C-alpha cells in the first residue's frame, strides 16, 4: 500500500522559514512527478510546487522566489523549503504523487505563520 507521509510543519513568525518533507513508501514503482499543494480554511486546495524526476520544477506565482522544491529520487522523497513566510501562507500542506491511474496524497501537515 502506497503511503505519503509529510513532516516539518509548525508555527513560525512572519519572515521565518520551514522545511517540509514527504516520504513515499510501499510503491513498486518510482513517481515521475511529486508535488506540494496547500489548503487554507474556506479555500480550495491549490498547487504550490511540483518537480519531475528530472528535477524540473514549477511554482505558483505566490511562492516564486520564496519557496524551493527539491527531491531525492533514490528515496522518493520530496522537500519544500519555505522562506520569507507570510500569514497568507498559513494552510495545511499536502504532498501529492500522481500516477496514470490514481493520485496519491499525504495526510497533510499544518503550517501557521503568525503576524
N, C-alpha and C. Protein backbone atom coordinates (compact mmCIF):
# COMPACT_ATOMS: atom_id res chain seq x y z
N UNK A 1 0.85 -1.18 0.00
CA UNK A 1 0.00 0.00 0.00
C UNK A 1 0.89 1.24 0.00
N UNK A 2 0.63 2.12 -0.95
CA UNK A 2 1.43 3.33 -1.07
C UNK A 2 1.02 4.34 0.00
N UNK A 3 2.01 4.91 0.65
CA UNK A 3 1.76 5.96 1.63
C UNK A 3 2.70 7.12 1.39
N UNK A 4 2.16 8.33 1.54
CA UNK A 4 2.95 9.54 1.53
C UNK A 4 2.84 10.15 2.92
N UNK A 5 3.97 10.39 3.56
CA UNK A 5 3.97 10.90 4.92
C UNK A 5 4.73 12.21 4.97
N UNK A 6 4.02 13.27 5.35
CA UNK A 6 4.64 14.59 5.46
C UNK A 6 5.13 14.84 6.88
N UNK A 7 6.10 15.73 6.97
CA UNK A 7 6.58 16.20 8.26
C UNK A 7 7.18 17.58 8.08
N UNK A 8 7.36 18.29 9.20
CA UNK A 8 8.06 19.56 9.16
C UNK A 8 7.19 20.79 9.32
N UNK A 9 5.89 20.62 9.43
CA UNK A 9 5.04 21.79 9.64
C UNK A 9 5.19 22.35 11.04
N UNK A 10 4.54 23.48 11.27
CA UNK A 10 4.61 24.08 12.60
C UNK A 10 4.20 25.53 12.58
N UNK A 11 4.51 26.21 13.67
CA UNK A 11 4.19 27.62 13.84
C UNK A 11 5.45 28.45 13.70
N UNK A 12 5.37 29.49 12.91
CA UNK A 12 6.53 30.33 12.67
C UNK A 12 6.07 31.78 12.53
N UNK A 13 6.93 32.71 12.85
CA UNK A 13 6.59 34.12 12.72
C UNK A 13 6.80 34.59 11.28
N UNK A 14 6.16 35.69 10.94
CA UNK A 14 6.35 36.29 9.62
C UNK A 14 7.83 36.52 9.35
N UNK A 15 8.24 36.11 8.15
CA UNK A 15 9.64 36.22 7.78
C UNK A 15 10.47 34.99 8.08
N UNK A 16 9.89 34.07 8.78
CA UNK A 16 10.61 32.86 9.17
C UNK A 16 10.63 31.81 8.07
N UNK A 17 11.21 30.66 8.39
CA UNK A 17 11.38 29.58 7.42
C UNK A 17 10.94 28.25 8.02
N UNK A 18 10.51 27.38 7.14
CA UNK A 18 10.21 25.99 7.49
C UNK A 18 10.60 25.10 6.33
N UNK A 19 10.90 23.85 6.63
CA UNK A 19 11.21 22.87 5.59
C UNK A 19 10.29 21.67 5.76
N UNK A 20 9.50 21.42 4.75
CA UNK A 20 8.61 20.28 4.76
C UNK A 20 9.27 19.11 4.04
N UNK A 21 8.98 17.91 4.53
CA UNK A 21 9.48 16.69 3.91
C UNK A 21 8.32 15.74 3.64
N UNK A 22 8.46 14.96 2.59
CA UNK A 22 7.46 13.96 2.26
C UNK A 22 8.18 12.70 1.82
N UNK A 23 7.85 11.59 2.46
CA UNK A 23 8.46 10.31 2.12
C UNK A 23 7.39 9.38 1.56
N UNK A 24 7.70 8.76 0.44
CA UNK A 24 6.80 7.78 -0.18
C UNK A 24 7.27 6.38 0.17
N UNK A 25 6.32 5.54 0.52
CA UNK A 25 6.67 4.15 0.84
C UNK A 25 5.62 3.22 0.25
N UNK A 26 6.02 1.97 0.05
CA UNK A 26 5.08 0.96 -0.38
C UNK A 26 4.84 0.92 -1.88
N UNK A 27 5.58 1.74 -2.62
CA UNK A 27 5.36 1.77 -4.06
C UNK A 27 6.33 0.81 -4.75
N UNK A 28 5.85 0.12 -5.76
CA UNK A 28 6.71 -0.77 -6.52
C UNK A 28 7.31 -0.04 -7.72
N UNK A 29 6.94 1.21 -7.90
CA UNK A 29 7.48 2.00 -8.99
C UNK A 29 7.84 3.37 -8.46
N UNK A 30 8.63 4.08 -9.22
CA UNK A 30 9.06 5.42 -8.84
C UNK A 30 8.11 6.45 -9.45
N UNK A 31 7.82 7.46 -8.69
CA UNK A 31 6.93 8.52 -9.15
C UNK A 31 7.68 9.49 -10.06
N UNK A 32 7.10 9.77 -11.22
CA UNK A 32 7.73 10.73 -12.12
C UNK A 32 7.61 12.14 -11.57
N UNK A 33 6.43 12.52 -11.13
CA UNK A 33 6.19 13.86 -10.60
C UNK A 33 5.73 13.77 -9.15
N UNK A 34 6.25 14.66 -8.33
CA UNK A 34 5.79 14.81 -6.96
C UNK A 34 5.60 16.29 -6.70
N UNK A 35 4.69 16.59 -5.82
CA UNK A 35 4.41 18.00 -5.62
C UNK A 35 3.83 18.31 -4.26
N UNK A 36 3.66 19.59 -4.03
CA UNK A 36 3.05 20.10 -2.80
C UNK A 36 1.84 20.96 -3.15
N UNK A 37 0.79 20.75 -2.41
CA UNK A 37 -0.42 21.56 -2.50
C UNK A 37 -0.71 22.11 -1.11
N UNK A 38 -1.58 23.09 -1.05
CA UNK A 38 -1.99 23.61 0.25
C UNK A 38 -3.46 24.01 0.21
N UNK A 39 -4.06 23.98 1.39
CA UNK A 39 -5.46 24.36 1.51
C UNK A 39 -5.66 25.15 2.79
N UNK A 40 -6.07 26.40 2.62
CA UNK A 40 -6.39 27.26 3.75
C UNK A 40 -7.88 27.14 4.06
N UNK A 41 -8.28 27.43 5.29
CA UNK A 41 -9.70 27.34 5.64
C UNK A 41 -10.58 28.15 4.71
N UNK A 42 -11.63 27.53 4.18
CA UNK A 42 -12.55 28.22 3.30
C UNK A 42 -12.10 28.33 1.86
N UNK A 43 -10.88 27.83 1.58
CA UNK A 43 -10.35 27.92 0.22
C UNK A 43 -10.22 26.55 -0.40
N UNK A 44 -10.11 26.54 -1.73
CA UNK A 44 -9.85 25.28 -2.42
C UNK A 44 -8.38 24.91 -2.31
N UNK A 45 -8.12 23.63 -2.46
CA UNK A 45 -6.73 23.18 -2.46
C UNK A 45 -6.04 23.74 -3.71
N UNK A 46 -4.83 24.25 -3.52
CA UNK A 46 -4.11 24.87 -4.64
C UNK A 46 -2.71 24.32 -4.74
N UNK A 47 -2.21 24.33 -5.97
CA UNK A 47 -0.87 23.89 -6.23
C UNK A 47 0.14 24.88 -5.67
N UNK A 48 1.16 24.36 -5.01
CA UNK A 48 2.26 25.19 -4.54
C UNK A 48 3.48 25.02 -5.45
N UNK A 49 3.90 23.77 -5.64
CA UNK A 49 5.07 23.49 -6.47
C UNK A 49 5.06 22.03 -6.86
N UNK A 50 5.63 21.75 -8.03
CA UNK A 50 5.80 20.37 -8.49
C UNK A 50 7.19 20.21 -9.04
N UNK A 51 7.67 18.97 -9.02
CA UNK A 51 9.01 18.68 -9.53
C UNK A 51 8.99 17.31 -10.18
N UNK A 52 9.66 17.20 -11.32
CA UNK A 52 9.73 15.93 -12.02
C UNK A 52 10.96 15.14 -11.57
N UNK A 53 11.04 13.91 -12.01
CA UNK A 53 12.19 13.08 -11.68
C UNK A 53 13.46 13.69 -12.26
N UNK A 54 13.30 14.43 -13.37
CA UNK A 54 14.44 15.11 -13.96
C UNK A 54 14.77 16.44 -13.31
N UNK A 55 14.11 16.73 -12.18
CA UNK A 55 14.37 17.92 -11.35
C UNK A 55 13.85 19.22 -11.98
N UNK A 56 12.96 19.12 -12.95
CA UNK A 56 12.31 20.31 -13.48
C UNK A 56 11.18 20.72 -12.54
N UNK A 57 11.17 21.99 -12.14
CA UNK A 57 10.22 22.45 -11.13
C UNK A 57 9.35 23.60 -11.64
N UNK A 58 8.13 23.65 -11.12
CA UNK A 58 7.24 24.76 -11.38
C UNK A 58 6.61 25.21 -10.08
N UNK A 59 6.34 26.51 -9.99
CA UNK A 59 5.83 27.09 -8.76
C UNK A 59 4.60 27.95 -9.01
N UNK A 60 3.76 28.04 -8.00
CA UNK A 60 2.69 29.02 -8.03
C UNK A 60 3.30 30.40 -7.95
N UNK A 61 2.68 31.36 -8.61
CA UNK A 61 3.23 32.72 -8.63
C UNK A 61 3.40 33.27 -7.23
N UNK A 62 2.51 32.90 -6.33
CA UNK A 62 2.53 33.46 -4.97
C UNK A 62 3.73 33.01 -4.16
N UNK A 63 4.43 31.97 -4.58
CA UNK A 63 5.56 31.47 -3.79
C UNK A 63 6.89 31.56 -4.52
N UNK A 64 6.86 31.98 -5.78
CA UNK A 64 8.10 32.08 -6.55
C UNK A 64 9.09 33.00 -5.85
N UNK A 65 10.33 32.55 -5.78
CA UNK A 65 11.37 33.33 -5.15
C UNK A 65 11.46 33.14 -3.65
N UNK A 66 10.45 32.49 -3.06
CA UNK A 66 10.46 32.27 -1.61
C UNK A 66 10.53 30.78 -1.27
N UNK A 67 9.89 29.95 -2.07
CA UNK A 67 9.86 28.51 -1.82
C UNK A 67 10.74 27.79 -2.83
N UNK A 68 11.34 26.69 -2.39
CA UNK A 68 12.13 25.84 -3.28
C UNK A 68 11.75 24.39 -3.07
N UNK A 69 11.38 23.73 -4.15
CA UNK A 69 11.07 22.30 -4.09
C UNK A 69 12.28 21.50 -4.56
N UNK A 70 12.52 20.38 -3.91
CA UNK A 70 13.62 19.51 -4.30
C UNK A 70 13.21 18.07 -4.02
N UNK A 71 13.98 17.13 -4.55
CA UNK A 71 13.63 15.74 -4.32
C UNK A 71 14.86 14.86 -4.32
N UNK A 72 14.71 13.73 -3.64
CA UNK A 72 15.72 12.68 -3.61
C UNK A 72 15.12 11.51 -4.38
N UNK A 73 15.58 11.31 -5.60
CA UNK A 73 14.98 10.27 -6.43
C UNK A 73 15.22 8.87 -5.88
N UNK A 74 16.36 8.66 -5.30
CA UNK A 74 16.68 7.33 -4.80
C UNK A 74 15.72 6.90 -3.69
N UNK A 75 15.27 7.86 -2.90
CA UNK A 75 14.41 7.55 -1.76
C UNK A 75 12.97 7.94 -2.00
N UNK A 76 12.66 8.49 -3.16
CA UNK A 76 11.31 9.01 -3.42
C UNK A 76 10.86 9.95 -2.31
N UNK A 77 11.71 10.91 -2.01
CA UNK A 77 11.38 11.94 -1.05
C UNK A 77 11.32 13.29 -1.76
N UNK A 78 10.42 14.13 -1.30
CA UNK A 78 10.33 15.48 -1.85
C UNK A 78 10.31 16.46 -0.69
N UNK A 79 10.93 17.60 -0.91
CA UNK A 79 11.08 18.61 0.14
C UNK A 79 10.53 19.95 -0.35
N UNK A 80 10.13 20.78 0.60
CA UNK A 80 9.72 22.14 0.28
C UNK A 80 10.35 23.07 1.29
N UNK A 81 11.34 23.82 0.83
CA UNK A 81 11.97 24.84 1.68
C UNK A 81 11.17 26.12 1.52
N UNK A 82 10.64 26.61 2.62
CA UNK A 82 9.80 27.80 2.60
C UNK A 82 10.48 28.91 3.38
N UNK A 83 10.82 29.99 2.69
CA UNK A 83 11.47 31.14 3.31
C UNK A 83 10.56 32.37 3.20
N UNK A 84 10.88 33.37 4.00
CA UNK A 84 10.13 34.64 3.97
C UNK A 84 8.63 34.38 4.08
N UNK A 85 8.26 33.56 5.02
CA UNK A 85 6.85 33.18 5.17
C UNK A 85 6.01 34.37 5.63
N UNK A 86 4.79 34.39 5.13
CA UNK A 86 3.82 35.44 5.48
C UNK A 86 2.53 34.77 5.94
N UNK A 87 1.68 35.50 6.65
CA UNK A 87 0.45 34.89 7.16
C UNK A 87 -0.41 34.23 6.08
N UNK A 88 -0.34 34.75 4.86
CA UNK A 88 -1.11 34.17 3.76
C UNK A 88 -0.65 32.77 3.38
N UNK A 89 0.50 32.36 3.87
CA UNK A 89 0.98 31.00 3.61
C UNK A 89 0.39 29.99 4.59
N UNK A 90 -0.35 30.46 5.57
CA UNK A 90 -0.96 29.57 6.55
C UNK A 90 -1.95 28.64 5.86
N UNK A 91 -1.74 27.33 6.04
CA UNK A 91 -2.59 26.34 5.39
C UNK A 91 -2.14 24.95 5.83
N UNK A 92 -2.92 23.96 5.45
CA UNK A 92 -2.47 22.58 5.55
C UNK A 92 -1.79 22.25 4.23
N UNK A 93 -0.56 21.76 4.32
CA UNK A 93 0.23 21.44 3.14
C UNK A 93 0.20 19.93 2.90
N UNK A 94 -0.08 19.57 1.65
CA UNK A 94 -0.21 18.17 1.27
C UNK A 94 0.83 17.79 0.23
N UNK A 95 1.40 16.62 0.41
CA UNK A 95 2.27 16.03 -0.58
C UNK A 95 1.41 15.23 -1.56
N UNK A 96 1.76 15.29 -2.84
CA UNK A 96 0.98 14.58 -3.85
C UNK A 96 1.90 13.90 -4.84
N UNK A 97 1.51 12.68 -5.25
CA UNK A 97 2.26 11.93 -6.26
C UNK A 97 1.25 11.30 -7.21
N UNK A 98 1.09 11.88 -8.39
CA UNK A 98 0.11 11.35 -9.33
C UNK A 98 0.67 10.20 -10.15
N UNK A 99 -0.21 9.29 -10.52
CA UNK A 99 0.11 8.25 -11.49
C UNK A 99 -0.96 8.28 -12.57
N UNK A 100 -0.82 7.39 -13.55
CA UNK A 100 -1.79 7.36 -14.65
C UNK A 100 -3.16 6.86 -14.21
N UNK A 101 -3.21 6.17 -13.07
CA UNK A 101 -4.48 5.60 -12.65
C UNK A 101 -4.97 6.12 -11.31
N UNK A 102 -4.12 6.78 -10.56
CA UNK A 102 -4.51 7.22 -9.22
C UNK A 102 -3.58 8.32 -8.74
N UNK A 103 -4.15 9.27 -8.00
CA UNK A 103 -3.36 10.32 -7.36
C UNK A 103 -3.21 10.01 -5.88
N UNK A 104 -1.98 9.91 -5.44
CA UNK A 104 -1.71 9.64 -4.03
C UNK A 104 -1.51 10.95 -3.28
N UNK A 105 -2.07 11.00 -2.06
CA UNK A 105 -1.96 12.18 -1.21
C UNK A 105 -1.49 11.80 0.18
N UNK A 106 -0.74 12.69 0.79
CA UNK A 106 -0.41 12.53 2.19
C UNK A 106 -1.53 13.04 3.06
N UNK A 107 -1.32 12.92 4.37
CA UNK A 107 -2.37 13.30 5.32
C UNK A 107 -2.37 14.80 5.60
N UNK A 108 -1.32 15.48 5.21
CA UNK A 108 -1.24 16.92 5.40
C UNK A 108 -0.48 17.29 6.65
N UNK A 109 0.16 18.45 6.60
CA UNK A 109 0.86 18.99 7.75
C UNK A 109 0.53 20.48 7.86
N UNK A 110 0.23 20.93 9.07
CA UNK A 110 -0.22 22.30 9.28
C UNK A 110 0.96 23.26 9.32
N UNK A 111 0.85 24.33 8.57
CA UNK A 111 1.80 25.43 8.62
C UNK A 111 1.03 26.68 9.04
N UNK A 112 1.47 27.30 10.12
CA UNK A 112 0.83 28.51 10.61
C UNK A 112 1.87 29.61 10.74
N UNK A 113 1.60 30.73 10.09
CA UNK A 113 2.51 31.87 10.12
C UNK A 113 1.83 33.00 10.88
N UNK A 114 2.42 33.40 11.97
CA UNK A 114 1.84 34.46 12.79
C UNK A 114 2.37 35.83 12.37
N UNK A 115 1.54 36.83 12.53
CA UNK A 115 1.93 38.19 12.13
C UNK A 115 2.60 38.94 13.28
